[in-house]
Amino acid sequence: MLIIVAVAAALACASVGGGLYEFSVVDPFWPKRPDLVQPARGGISRKRFWIAIHVAFEVTLIAALVWTWSQPAVRTALLVALASHAVMRLWSAFDFIPKALAFEKAPPGTISEAAARAWTVRSRLRLPLDLVTCGALLWALVVAARAG
């Protein structure tokens, strides 16, 4: 049980790390150079990281919930993580991902720097949700370790 919670916590931390990388390394520069986030033009493919990390995290989180359901304190922490992650993913699915895909596929010279900057600023608002998810998983890990 402890291993599955630890893996879920590690994946949550990796997700926070990926977000911090984008905020600090990618987002300051791509609004002026959209080709940086356009794989067809030699830019990075954010999908390679985000799809893999989210699928692995979500499967692991659900497995951790199933595995630890009989332990109320661990279950509560995992449910908090699930709720905050679900809010972030739904918000992303209906707002951020469609716009990111449009930026990735836009022809050269058609992306407004102001629109790109607005996206990067709003994207940072997802970080608190990721931090809640990560914190709840670390909480679940500590509780599971103490119970173990």
Protein backbone atom coordinates (compact mmCIF):
# COMPACT_ATOMS: atom_id res chain seq x y z
CA MET A 1 0.00 0.00 0.00
CA LEU A 2 2.77 2.42 0.89
CA ILE A 3 4.49 1.93 -2.47
CA ILE A 4 1.44 2.87 -4.54
CA VAL A 5 0.88 6.01 -2.46
CA ALA A 6 4.59 6.88 -2.77
CA VAL A 7 4.47 6.46 -6.55
CA ALA A 8 1.36 8.67 -6.76
CA ALA A 9 3.09 11.30 -4.60
CA ALA A 10 6.22 11.15 -6.76
CA LEU A 11 4.15 11.60 -9.92
CA ALA A 12 2.32 14.55 -8.34
CA CYS A 13 5.68 16.12 -7.52
CA ALA A 14 6.85 15.49 -11.09
CA SER A 15 3.75 17.28 -12.35
CA VAL A 16 4.51 20.30 -10.17
CA GLY A 17 8.08 20.20 -11.44
CA GLY A 18 6.87 20.12 -15.04
CA GLY A 19 4.64 23.10 -14.39
CA LEU A 20 7.47 25.02 -12.75
CA TYR A 21 9.72 24.20 -15.71
CA GLU A 22 7.16 25.55 -18.16
CA PHE A 23 6.54 28.71 -16.09
CA SER A 24 10.22 29.49 -15.65
CA VAL A 25 11.88 28.19 -18.83
CA VAL A 26 9.32 27.98 -21.64
CA ASP A 27 6.60 30.56 -20.91
CA PRO A 28 8.85 33.63 -20.61
CA PHE A 29 10.06 33.16 -24.19
CA TRP A 30 7.51 31.46 -26.42
CA PRO A 31 5.02 34.34 -26.74
CA LYS A 32 7.66 36.18 -28.79
CA ARG A 33 8.78 32.97 -30.51
CA PRO A 34 5.74 30.71 -30.99
CA ASP A 35 7.87 28.20 -32.90
CA LEU A 36 9.30 27.18 -29.48
CA VAL A 37 5.98 25.43 -28.71
CA GLN A 38 5.25 24.24 -32.24
CA PRO A 39 6.58 20.71 -32.71
CA ALA A 40 6.00 20.88 -36.47
CA ARG A 41 8.45 23.79 -36.60
CA GLY A 42 11.10 22.17 -34.39
CA GLY A 43 9.70 23.30 -31.03
CA ILE A 44 9.02 21.26 -27.93
CA SER A 45 6.15 18.82 -27.73
CA ARG A 46 4.52 19.46 -24.38
CA LYS A 47 2.12 16.59 -25.05
CA ARG A 48 4.90 14.03 -24.67
CA PHE A 49 5.39 14.97 -21.02
CA TRP A 50 1.89 16.01 -19.99
CA ILE A 51 -0.07 13.11 -21.46
CA ALA A 52 2.33 10.56 -19.99
CA ILE A 53 2.53 12.17 -16.55
CA HIS A 54 -1.23 12.71 -16.25
CA VAL A 55 -2.16 9.20 -17.36
CA ALA A 56 0.41 7.62 -15.05
CA PHE A 57 -0.64 9.86 -12.16
CA GLU A 58 -4.37 9.35 -12.59
CA VAL A 59 -4.10 5.56 -12.88
CA THR A 60 -1.81 5.45 -9.84
CA LEU A 61 -4.03 7.78 -7.81
CA ILE A 62 -7.10 5.64 -8.53
CA ALA A 63 -5.16 2.49 -7.65
CA ALA A 64 -4.00 4.12 -4.41
CA LEU A 65 -7.59 5.04 -3.56
CA VAL A 66 -8.81 1.50 -4.21
CA TRP A 67 -5.90 -0.01 -2.27
CA THR A 68 -6.25 2.28 0.78
CA TRP A 69 -10.02 2.75 0.86
CA SER A 70 -10.30 1.04 4.25
CA GLN A 71 -7.97 3.61 5.85
CA PRO A 72 -10.02 6.79 6.38
CA ALA A 73 -7.13 9.20 6.95
CA VAL A 74 -5.27 8.08 3.83
CA ARG A 75 -8.51 7.95 1.84
CA THR A 76 -9.39 11.53 2.84
CA ALA A 77 -6.03 12.87 1.73
CA LEU A 78 -6.28 10.98 -1.55
CA LEU A 79 -9.80 12.30 -2.14
CA VAL A 80 -8.55 15.85 -1.60
CA ALA A 81 -5.82 15.18 -4.16
CA LEU A 82 -8.35 13.69 -6.57
CA ALA A 83 -10.72 16.66 -6.21
CA SER A 84 -8.06 19.32 -6.74
CA HIS A 85 -6.57 17.41 -9.66
CA ALA A 86 -10.01 16.93 -11.24
CA VAL A 87 -10.74 20.66 -11.02
CA MET A 88 -7.39 21.47 -12.64
CA ARG A 89 -7.88 18.86 -15.40
CA LEU A 90 -11.42 19.99 -16.22
CA TRP A 91 -10.33 23.61 -16.34
CA SER A 92 -7.42 22.62 -18.56
CA ALA A 93 -9.56 20.46 -20.83
CA PHE A 94 -12.07 23.20 -21.57
CA ASP A 95 -9.79 26.23 -21.53
CA PHE A 96 -6.02 25.76 -21.61
CA ILE A 97 -5.56 22.69 -23.78
CA PRO A 98 -7.67 23.92 -26.73
CA LYS A 99 -5.81 27.24 -26.71
CA ALA A 100 -2.42 25.54 -26.39
CA LEU A 101 -3.24 23.30 -29.34
CA ALA A 102 -4.29 26.34 -31.36
CA PHE A 103 -0.96 28.04 -30.55
CA GLU A 104 0.92 24.88 -31.54
CA LYS A 105 -0.84 24.62 -34.90
CA ALA A 106 -1.05 28.32 -35.84
CA PRO A 107 0.69 29.39 -39.03
CA PRO A 108 3.79 31.58 -38.59
CA GLY A 109 3.00 35.21 -37.84
CA THR A 110 -0.61 34.65 -36.81
CA ILE A 111 -0.21 34.37 -33.03
CA SER A 112 -0.85 37.51 -31.06
CA GLU A 113 1.87 38.00 -28.46
CA ALA A 114 -0.72 39.56 -26.15
CA ALA A 115 -2.94 36.46 -26.40
CA ALA A 116 0.05 34.20 -25.79
CA ARG A 117 1.15 36.25 -22.76
CA ALA A 118 -2.41 36.20 -21.38
CA TRP A 119 -2.42 32.40 -21.71
CA THR A 120 0.89 32.06 -19.86
CA VAL A 121 -0.26 34.35 -17.03
CA ARG A 122 -3.57 32.50 -16.62
CA SER A 123 -1.80 29.16 -16.85
CA ARG A 124 0.08 29.98 -13.66
CA LEU A 125 -3.23 30.06 -11.82
CA ARG A 126 -3.32 26.27 -12.12
CA LEU A 127 -0.22 25.95 -9.93
CA PRO A 128 -2.11 26.30 -6.62
CA LEU A 129 -4.33 23.38 -7.61
CA ASP A 130 -1.27 21.29 -8.46
CA LEU A 131 0.28 22.24 -5.12
CA VAL A 132 -2.88 21.17 -3.26
CA THR A 133 -2.80 17.86 -5.15
CA CYS A 134 0.87 17.33 -4.36
CA GLY A 135 0.49 18.40 -0.73
CA ALA A 136 -2.47 16.07 -0.22
CA LEU A 137 -0.50 13.18 -1.67
CA LEU A 138 2.48 13.90 0.55
CA TRP A 139 0.04 14.04 3.47
CA ALA A 140 -1.39 10.65 2.39
CA LEU A 141 2.13 9.25 2.16
CA VAL A 142 3.01 10.37 5.70
CA VAL A 143 -0.26 8.97 7.08
CA ALA A 144 0.21 5.68 5.22
CA ALA A 145 3.82 5.39 6.43
CA ARG A 146 2.78 5.93 10.04
CA ALA A 147 0.01 3.35 9.69
CA GLY A 148 2.34 0.91 7.98
